[in-house]
PDB file of N, CA and C in Angstrom:
ATOM      1  N   MET A   1      -0.300 -13.672 -16.763  1.00  0.00           N
ATOM      2  CA  MET A   1       1.093 -13.462 -16.383  1.00  0.00           C
ATOM      3  C   MET A   1       1.229 -12.159 -15.605  1.00  0.00           C
ATOM      4  N   LEU A   2       1.922 -12.175 -14.510  1.00  0.00           N
ATOM      5  CA  LEU A   2       2.109 -10.986 -13.700  1.00  0.00           C
ATOM      6  C   LEU A   2       3.200 -10.115 -14.304  1.00  0.00           C
ATOM      7  N   SER A   3       2.954  -8.833 -14.355  1.00  0.00           N
ATOM      8  CA  SER A   3       3.919  -7.893 -14.923  1.00  0.00           C
ATOM      9  C   SER A   3       5.176  -7.841 -14.067  1.00  0.00           C
ATOM     10  N   GLN A   4       6.327  -7.863 -14.707  1.00  0.00           N
ATOM     11  CA  GLN A   4       7.585  -7.773 -13.976  1.00  0.00           C
ATOM     12  C   GLN A   4       7.931  -6.324 -13.655  1.00  0.00           C
ATOM     13  N   ASP A   5       7.157  -5.379 -14.199  1.00  0.00           N
ATOM     14  CA  ASP A   5       7.422  -3.968 -13.972  1.00  0.00           C
ATOM     15  C   ASP A   5       6.418  -3.369 -12.985  1.00  0.00           C
ATOM     16  N   ALA A   6       5.823  -4.195 -12.131  1.00  0.00           N
ATOM     17  CA  ALA A   6       4.808  -3.718 -11.203  1.00  0.00           C
ATOM     18  C   ALA A   6       5.244  -3.998  -9.772  1.00  0.00           C
ATOM     19  N   CYS A   7       4.754  -3.188  -8.866  1.00  0.00           N
ATOM     20  CA  CYS A   7       4.940  -3.445  -7.441  1.00  0.00           C
ATOM     21  C   CYS A   7       3.885  -4.487  -7.082  1.00  0.00           C
ATOM     22  N   LEU A   8       4.292  -5.591  -6.544  1.00  0.00           N
ATOM     23  CA  LEU A   8       3.393  -6.694  -6.308  1.00  0.00           C
ATOM     24  C   LEU A   8       3.276  -6.996  -4.823  1.00  0.00           C
ATOM     25  N   LEU A   9       2.045  -7.082  -4.330  1.00  0.00           N
ATOM     26  CA  LEU A   9       1.790  -7.452  -2.943  1.00  0.00           C
ATOM     27  C   LEU A   9       1.071  -8.784  -2.936  1.00  0.00           C
ATOM     28  N   LYS A  10       1.476  -9.674  -2.071  1.00  0.00           N
ATOM     29  CA  LYS A  10       0.786 -10.951  -1.936  1.00  0.00           C
ATOM     30  C   LYS A  10      -0.320 -10.782  -0.896  1.00  0.00           C
ATOM     31  N   VAL A  11      -1.538 -11.161  -1.275  1.00  0.00           N
ATOM     32  CA  VAL A  11      -2.701 -11.077  -0.399  1.00  0.00           C
ATOM     33  C   VAL A  11      -3.242 -12.499  -0.267  1.00  0.00           C
ATOM     34  N   GLY A  12      -2.832 -13.195   0.788  1.00  0.00           N
ATOM     35  CA  GLY A  12      -3.180 -14.611   0.910  1.00  0.00           C
ATOM     36  C   GLY A  12      -2.587 -15.349  -0.280  1.00  0.00           C
ATOM     37  N   PRO A  13      -3.407 -16.122  -0.997  1.00  0.00           N
ATOM     38  CA  PRO A  13      -2.895 -16.838  -2.173  1.00  0.00           C
ATOM     39  C   PRO A  13      -2.914 -15.982  -3.441  1.00  0.00           C
ATOM     40  N   ASP A  14      -3.422 -14.775  -3.356  1.00  0.00           N
ATOM     41  CA  ASP A  14      -3.602 -13.909  -4.519  1.00  0.00           C
ATOM     42  C   ASP A  14      -2.596 -12.754  -4.529  1.00  0.00           C
ATOM     43  N   TYR A  15      -2.691 -11.923  -5.573  1.00  0.00           N
ATOM     44  CA  TYR A  15      -1.770 -10.804  -5.729  1.00  0.00           C
ATOM     45  C   TYR A  15      -2.511  -9.513  -6.001  1.00  0.00           C
ATOM     46  N   MET A  16      -1.856  -8.418  -5.666  1.00  0.00           N
ATOM     47  CA  MET A  16      -2.399  -7.089  -5.885  1.00  0.00           C
ATOM     48  C   MET A  16      -1.268  -6.196  -6.379  1.00  0.00           C
ATOM     49  N   TYR A  17      -1.553  -5.364  -7.372  1.00  0.00           N
ATOM     50  CA  TYR A  17      -0.575  -4.394  -7.858  1.00  0.00           C
ATOM     51  C   TYR A  17      -0.688  -3.134  -7.009  1.00  0.00           C
ATOM     52  N   PHE A  18       0.433  -2.543  -6.666  1.00  0.00           N
ATOM     53  CA  PHE A  18       0.440  -1.341  -5.840  1.00  0.00           C
ATOM     54  C   PHE A  18       1.548  -0.416  -6.314  1.00  0.00           C
ATOM     55  N   SER A  19       1.240   0.863  -6.383  1.00  0.00           N
ATOM     56  CA  SER A  19       2.261   1.864  -6.699  1.00  0.00           C
ATOM     57  C   SER A  19       1.933   3.145  -5.954  1.00  0.00           C
ATOM     58  N   GLY A  20       2.962   3.843  -5.542  1.00  0.00           N
ATOM     59  CA  GLY A  20       2.804   5.149  -4.918  1.00  0.00           C
ATOM     60  C   GLY A  20       3.567   6.171  -5.743  1.00  0.00           C
ATOM     61  N   TYR A  21       3.000   7.363  -5.802  1.00  0.00           N
ATOM     62  CA  TYR A  21       3.610   8.454  -6.564  1.00  0.00           C
ATOM     63  C   TYR A  21       3.550   9.728  -5.744  1.00  0.00           C
ATOM     64  N   ARG A  22       4.614  10.477  -5.728  1.00  0.00           N
ATOM     65  CA  ARG A  22       4.636  11.789  -5.072  1.00  0.00           C
ATOM     66  C   ARG A  22       4.248  12.818  -6.117  1.00  0.00           C
ATOM     67  N   SER A  23       3.393  13.769  -5.776  1.00  0.00           N
ATOM     68  CA  SER A  23       2.957  14.766  -6.752  1.00  0.00           C
ATOM     69  C   SER A  23       4.125  15.619  -7.248  1.00  0.00           C
ATOM     70  N   ALA A  24       5.160  15.789  -6.437  1.00  0.00           N
ATOM     71  CA  ALA A  24       6.329  16.568  -6.844  1.00  0.00           C
ATOM     72  C   ALA A  24       7.180  15.821  -7.878  1.00  0.00           C
ATOM     73  N   THR A  25       7.129  14.486  -7.862  1.00  0.00           N
ATOM     74  CA  THR A  25       7.905  13.668  -8.811  1.00  0.00           C
ATOM     75  C   THR A  25       6.994  12.562  -9.358  1.00  0.00           C
ATOM     76  N   PRO A  26       5.980  12.905 -10.173  1.00  0.00           N
ATOM     77  CA  PRO A  26       4.955  11.940 -10.583  1.00  0.00           C
ATOM     78  C   PRO A  26       5.454  10.779 -11.435  1.00  0.00           C
ATOM     79  N   ARG A  27       6.602  10.880 -12.053  1.00  0.00           N
ATOM     80  CA  ARG A  27       7.103   9.787 -12.890  1.00  0.00           C
ATOM     81  C   ARG A  27       7.956   8.785 -12.106  1.00  0.00           C
ATOM     82  N   LYS A  28       8.230   9.089 -10.852  1.00  0.00           N
ATOM     83  CA  LYS A  28       9.055   8.205 -10.020  1.00  0.00           C
ATOM     84  C   LYS A  28       8.147   7.422  -9.072  1.00  0.00           C
ATOM     85  N   ARG A  29       8.012   6.125  -9.307  1.00  0.00           N
ATOM     86  CA  ARG A  29       7.126   5.269  -8.526  1.00  0.00           C
ATOM     87  C   ARG A  29       7.893   4.668  -7.339  1.00  0.00           C
ATOM     88  N   PHE A  30       7.180   4.444  -6.238  1.00  0.00           N
ATOM     89  CA  PHE A  30       7.772   3.696  -5.130  1.00  0.00           C
ATOM     90  C   PHE A  30       6.816   2.575  -4.746  1.00  0.00           C
ATOM     91  N   CYS A  31       7.374   1.524  -4.178  1.00  0.00           N
ATOM     92  CA  CYS A  31       6.587   0.340  -3.835  1.00  0.00           C
ATOM     93  C   CYS A  31       6.490   0.080  -2.338  1.00  0.00           C
ATOM     94  N   GLU A  32       7.355   0.660  -1.569  1.00  0.00           N
ATOM     95  CA  GLU A  32       7.367   0.338  -0.150  1.00  0.00           C
ATOM     96  C   GLU A  32       7.208   1.604   0.676  1.00  0.00           C
ATOM     97  N   ASP A  33       8.215   1.957   1.431  1.00  0.00           N
ATOM     98  CA  ASP A  33       8.122   3.115   2.309  1.00  0.00           C
ATOM     99  C   ASP A  33       7.935   4.402   1.513  1.00  0.00           C
ATOM    100  N   VAL A  34       7.035   5.267   2.005  1.00  0.00           N
ATOM    101  CA  VAL A  34       6.840   6.576   1.382  1.00  0.00           C
ATOM    102  C   VAL A  34       8.110   7.379   1.654  1.00  0.00           C
ATOM    103  N   PRO A  35       8.752   7.924   0.608  1.00  0.00           N
ATOM    104  CA  PRO A  35      10.050   8.561   0.793  1.00  0.00           C
ATOM    105  C   PRO A  35      10.048   9.830   1.645  1.00  0.00           C
ATOM    106  N   GLU A  36       8.938  10.548   1.675  1.00  0.00           N
ATOM    107  CA  GLU A  36       8.846  11.770   2.481  1.00  0.00           C
ATOM    108  C   GLU A  36       7.383  12.142   2.649  1.00  0.00           C
ATOM    109  N   THR A  37       7.092  13.019   3.590  1.00  0.00           N
ATOM    110  CA  THR A  37       5.708  13.430   3.804  1.00  0.00           C
ATOM    111  C   THR A  37       5.286  14.403   2.714  1.00  0.00           C
ATOM    112  N   GLY A  38       3.992  14.511   2.525  1.00  0.00           N
ATOM    113  CA  GLY A  38       3.445  15.423   1.533  1.00  0.00           C
ATOM    114  C   GLY A  38       2.404  14.720   0.674  1.00  0.00           C
ATOM    115  N   GLU A  39       1.901  15.423  -0.313  1.00  0.00           N
ATOM    116  CA  GLU A  39       0.853  14.906  -1.181  1.00  0.00           C
ATOM    117  C   GLU A  39       1.348  13.668  -1.931  1.00  0.00           C
ATOM    118  N   THR A  40       0.608  12.581  -1.797  1.00  0.00           N
ATOM    119  CA  THR A  40       0.992  11.304  -2.385  1.00  0.00           C
ATOM    120  C   THR A  40      -0.229  10.636  -2.997  1.00  0.00           C
ATOM    121  N   ILE A  41      -0.036   9.992  -4.124  1.00  0.00           N
ATOM    122  CA  ILE A  41      -1.100   9.253  -4.801  1.00  0.00           C
ATOM    123  C   ILE A  41      -0.766   7.770  -4.706  1.00  0.00           C
ATOM    124  N   PHE A  42      -1.749   6.972  -4.294  1.00  0.00           N
ATOM    125  CA  PHE A  42      -1.587   5.528  -4.212  1.00  0.00           C
ATOM    126  C   PHE A  42      -2.511   4.888  -5.242  1.00  0.00           C
ATOM    127  N   ALA A  43      -1.990   3.950  -6.009  1.00  0.00           N
ATOM    128  CA  ALA A  43      -2.786   3.215  -6.998  1.00  0.00           C
ATOM    129  C   ALA A  43      -2.744   1.740  -6.632  1.00  0.00           C
ATOM    130  N   MET A  44      -3.937   1.124  -6.570  1.00  0.00           N
ATOM    131  CA  MET A  44      -4.027  -0.293  -6.237  1.00  0.00           C
ATOM    132  C   MET A  44      -4.933  -0.980  -7.243  1.00  0.00           C
ATOM    133  N   ASP A  45      -4.543  -2.182  -7.650  1.00  0.00           N
ATOM    134  CA  ASP A  45      -5.350  -2.947  -8.588  1.00  0.00           C
ATOM    135  C   ASP A  45      -5.207  -4.426  -8.239  1.00  0.00           C
ATOM    136  N   PHE A  46      -6.332  -5.109  -8.132  1.00  0.00           N
ATOM    137  CA  PHE A  46      -6.300  -6.535  -7.844  1.00  0.00           C
ATOM    138  C   PHE A  46      -5.948  -7.297  -9.111  1.00  0.00           C
ATOM    139  N   ALA A  47      -5.035  -8.245  -9.013  1.00  0.00           N
ATOM    140  CA  ALA A  47      -4.579  -9.004 -10.175  1.00  0.00           C
ATOM    141  C   ALA A  47      -5.655  -9.972 -10.675  1.00  0.00           C
ATOM    142  N   GLN A  48      -6.413 -10.581  -9.790  1.00  0.00           N
ATOM    143  CA  GLN A  48      -7.457 -11.526 -10.178  1.00  0.00           C
ATOM    144  C   GLN A  48      -8.816 -10.823 -10.174  1.00  0.00           C
ATOM    145  N   ALA A  49      -9.602 -11.061 -11.197  1.00  0.00           N
ATOM    146  CA  ALA A  49     -10.907 -10.405 -11.348  1.00  0.00           C
ATOM    147  C   ALA A  49     -11.830 -10.659 -10.152  1.00  0.00           C
ATOM    148  N   GLU A  50     -11.808 -11.887  -9.603  1.00  0.00           N
ATOM    149  CA  GLU A  50     -12.707 -12.203  -8.483  1.00  0.00           C
ATOM    150  C   GLU A  50     -12.394 -11.379  -7.240  1.00  0.00           C
ATOM    151  N   MET A  51     -11.168 -10.904  -7.105  1.00  0.00           N
ATOM    152  CA  MET A  51     -10.802 -10.082  -5.953  1.00  0.00           C
ATOM    153  C   MET A  51     -11.420  -8.686  -6.033  1.00  0.00           C
ATOM    154  N   ARG A  52     -11.779  -8.249  -7.216  1.00  0.00           N
ATOM    155  CA  ARG A  52     -12.333  -6.899  -7.396  1.00  0.00           C
ATOM    156  C   ARG A  52     -13.708  -6.739  -6.765  1.00  0.00           C
ATOM    157  N   GLU A  53     -14.352  -7.835  -6.441  1.00  0.00           N
ATOM    158  CA  GLU A  53     -15.660  -7.798  -5.787  1.00  0.00           C
ATOM    159  C   GLU A  53     -15.538  -7.768  -4.264  1.00  0.00           C
ATOM    160  N   MET A  54     -14.338  -7.947  -3.747  1.00  0.00           N
ATOM    161  CA  MET A  54     -14.118  -8.007  -2.298  1.00  0.00           C
ATOM    162  C   MET A  54     -13.967  -6.612  -1.691  1.00  0.00           C
ATOM    163  N   THR A  55     -14.268  -6.510  -0.405  1.00  0.00           N
ATOM    164  CA  THR A  55     -14.027  -5.293   0.341  1.00  0.00           C
ATOM    165  C   THR A  55     -12.547  -5.251   0.709  1.00  0.00           C
ATOM    166  N   ALA A  56     -11.965  -4.069   0.657  1.00  0.00           N
ATOM    167  CA  ALA A  56     -10.547  -3.929   1.007  1.00  0.00           C
ATOM    168  C   ALA A  56     -10.384  -2.780   1.993  1.00  0.00           C
ATOM    169  N   GLU A  57      -9.304  -2.809   2.732  1.00  0.00           N
ATOM    170  CA  GLU A  57      -8.952  -1.733   3.642  1.00  0.00           C
ATOM    171  C   GLU A  57      -7.563  -1.240   3.298  1.00  0.00           C
ATOM    172  N   PHE A  58      -7.365   0.056   3.397  1.00  0.00           N
ATOM    173  CA  PHE A  58      -6.067   0.672   3.113  1.00  0.00           C
ATOM    174  C   PHE A  58      -5.663   1.435   4.363  1.00  0.00           C
ATOM    175  N   ARG A  59      -4.489   1.126   4.875  1.00  0.00           N
ATOM    176  CA  ARG A  59      -4.037   1.744   6.118  1.00  0.00           C
ATOM    177  C   ARG A  59      -2.602   2.231   5.955  1.00  0.00           C
ATOM    178  N   ILE A  60      -2.356   3.457   6.356  1.00  0.00           N
ATOM    179  CA  ILE A  60      -1.003   4.003   6.377  1.00  0.00           C
ATOM    180  C   ILE A  60      -0.572   4.050   7.832  1.00  0.00           C
ATOM    181  N   VAL A  61       0.568   3.433   8.117  1.00  0.00           N
ATOM    182  CA  VAL A  61       1.082   3.401   9.483  1.00  0.00           C
ATOM    183  C   VAL A  61       2.481   4.002   9.517  1.00  0.00           C
ATOM    184  N   HIS A  62       2.837   4.563  10.646  1.00  0.00           N
ATOM    185  CA  HIS A  62       4.209   5.069  10.778  1.00  0.00           C
ATOM    186  C   HIS A  62       5.073   3.976  11.382  1.00  0.00           C
ATOM    187  N   ASP A  63       6.343   4.053  11.127  1.00  0.00           N
ATOM    188  CA  ASP A  63       7.298   3.060  11.594  1.00  0.00           C
ATOM    189  C   ASP A  63       7.467   3.207  13.097  1.00  0.00           C
ATOM    190  N   ALA A  64       7.141   2.148  13.817  1.00  0.00           N
ATOM    191  CA  ALA A  64       7.267   2.174  15.279  1.00  0.00           C
ATOM    192  C   ALA A  64       8.598   1.584  15.718  1.00  0.00           C
ATOM    193  N   GLY A  65       9.456   1.246  14.764  1.00  0.00           N
ATOM    194  CA  GLY A  65      10.762   0.690  15.097  1.00  0.00           C
ATOM    195  C   GLY A  65      10.651  -0.644  15.790  1.00  0.00           C
ATOM    196  N   GLU A  66      11.522  -0.876  16.740  1.00  0.00           N
ATOM    197  CA  GLU A  66      11.566  -2.147  17.471  1.00  0.00           C
ATOM    198  C   GLU A  66      10.297  -2.398  18.282  1.00  0.00           C
ATOM    199  N   ALA A  67       9.608  -1.356  18.684  1.00  0.00           N
ATOM    200  CA  ALA A  67       8.410  -1.499  19.522  1.00  0.00           C
ATOM    201  C   ALA A  67       7.177  -1.884  18.720  1.00  0.00           C
ATOM    202  N   GLU A  68       7.311  -1.983  17.393  1.00  0.00           N
ATOM    203  CA  GLU A  68       6.156  -2.230  16.536  1.00  0.00           C
ATOM    204  C   GLU A  68       5.373  -3.480  16.924  1.00  0.00           C
ATOM    205  N   GLU A  69       6.040  -4.565  17.290  1.00  0.00           N
ATOM    206  CA  GLU A  69       5.351  -5.797  17.649  1.00  0.00           C
ATOM    207  C   GLU A  69       4.501  -5.638  18.903  1.00  0.00           C
ATOM    208  N   GLN A  70       4.863  -4.701  19.761  1.00  0.00           N
ATOM    209  CA  GLN A  70       4.143  -4.512  21.013  1.00  0.00           C
ATOM    210  C   GLN A  70       3.141  -3.366  20.928  1.00  0.00           C
ATOM    211  N   THR A  71       3.086  -2.670  19.798  1.00  0.00           N
ATOM    212  CA  THR A  71       2.213  -1.513  19.630  1.00  0.00           C
ATOM    213  C   THR A  71       0.947  -1.929  18.895  1.00  0.00           C
ATOM    214  N   SER A  72      -0.199  -1.421  19.347  1.00  0.00           N
ATOM    215  CA  SER A  72      -1.444  -1.749  18.659  1.00  0.00           C
ATOM    216  C   SER A  72      -1.461  -1.066  17.290  1.00  0.00           C
ATOM    217  N   LEU A  73      -2.132  -1.692  16.348  1.00  0.00           N
ATOM    218  CA  LEU A  73      -2.226  -1.153  14.993  1.00  0.00           C
ATOM    219  C   LEU A  73      -2.881   0.231  14.995  1.00  0.00           C
ATOM    220  N   ASP A  74      -3.907   0.419  15.810  1.00  0.00           N
ATOM    221  CA  ASP A  74      -4.575   1.721  15.882  1.00  0.00           C
ATOM    222  C   ASP A  74      -3.636   2.821  16.370  1.00  0.00           C
ATOM    223  N   ALA A  75      -2.714   2.477  17.252  1.00  0.00           N
ATOM    224  CA  ALA A  75      -1.804   3.482  17.813  1.00  0.00           C
ATOM    225  C   ALA A  75      -0.813   4.015  16.784  1.00  0.00           C
ATOM    226  N   ILE A  76      -0.494   3.222  15.766  1.00  0.00           N
ATOM    227  CA  ILE A  76       0.480   3.676  14.764  1.00  0.00           C
ATOM    228  C   ILE A  76      -0.166   4.023  13.423  1.00  0.00           C
ATOM    229  N   THR A  77      -1.517   4.008  13.366  1.00  0.00           N
ATOM    230  CA  THR A  77      -2.229   4.332  12.127  1.00  0.00           C
ATOM    231  C   THR A  77      -2.257   5.832  11.897  1.00  0.00           C
ATOM    232  N   VAL A  78      -1.843   6.233  10.709  1.00  0.00           N
ATOM    233  CA  VAL A  78      -1.863   7.635  10.308  1.00  0.00           C
ATOM    234  C   VAL A  78      -3.129   7.932   9.509  1.00  0.00           C
ATOM    235  N   ALA A  79      -3.527   7.001   8.640  1.00  0.00           N
ATOM    236  CA  ALA A  79      -4.742   7.148   7.820  1.00  0.00           C
ATOM    237  C   ALA A  79      -5.346   5.782   7.569  1.00  0.00           C
ATOM    238  N   TYR A  80      -6.658   5.727   7.471  1.00  0.00           N
ATOM    239  CA  TYR A  80      -7.363   4.468   7.256  1.00  0.00           C
ATOM    240  C   TYR A  80      -8.535   4.708   6.316  1.00  0.00           C
ATOM    241  N   LEU A  81      -8.722   3.800   5.356  1.00  0.00           N
ATOM    242  CA  LEU A  81      -9.835   3.911   4.415  1.00  0.00           C
ATOM    243  C   LEU A  81     -10.332   2.517   4.095  1.00  0.00           C
ATOM    244  N   ARG A  82     -11.636   2.318   4.229  1.00  0.00           N
ATOM    245  CA  ARG A  82     -12.248   1.053   3.832  1.00  0.00           C
ATOM    246  C   ARG A  82     -12.795   1.240   2.425  1.00  0.00           C
ATOM    247  N   LEU A  83     -12.365   0.381   1.523  1.00  0.00           N
ATOM    248  CA  LEU A  83     -12.746   0.503   0.109  1.00  0.00           C
ATOM    249  C   LEU A  83     -13.843  -0.464  -0.261  1.00  0.00           C
TER     250      LEU A  83
END
């Protein structure tokens, strides 16, 4: 059963738990847009055990607004990590 108190991302047919925390307010979790710049902790966990064996990529992008569809992913990438 998927937790109703978790930030949930759909990855194809599967799910992944995701939470972000700001070091200044560690008890306040966010699930979507990072509320402000600064030190941030991201926690990710695959819901299905078989997904834990897969390679994953984590990318932080800035909001390109209306031009986002026409902008390359590399052009708006702020940070990238292959896990």
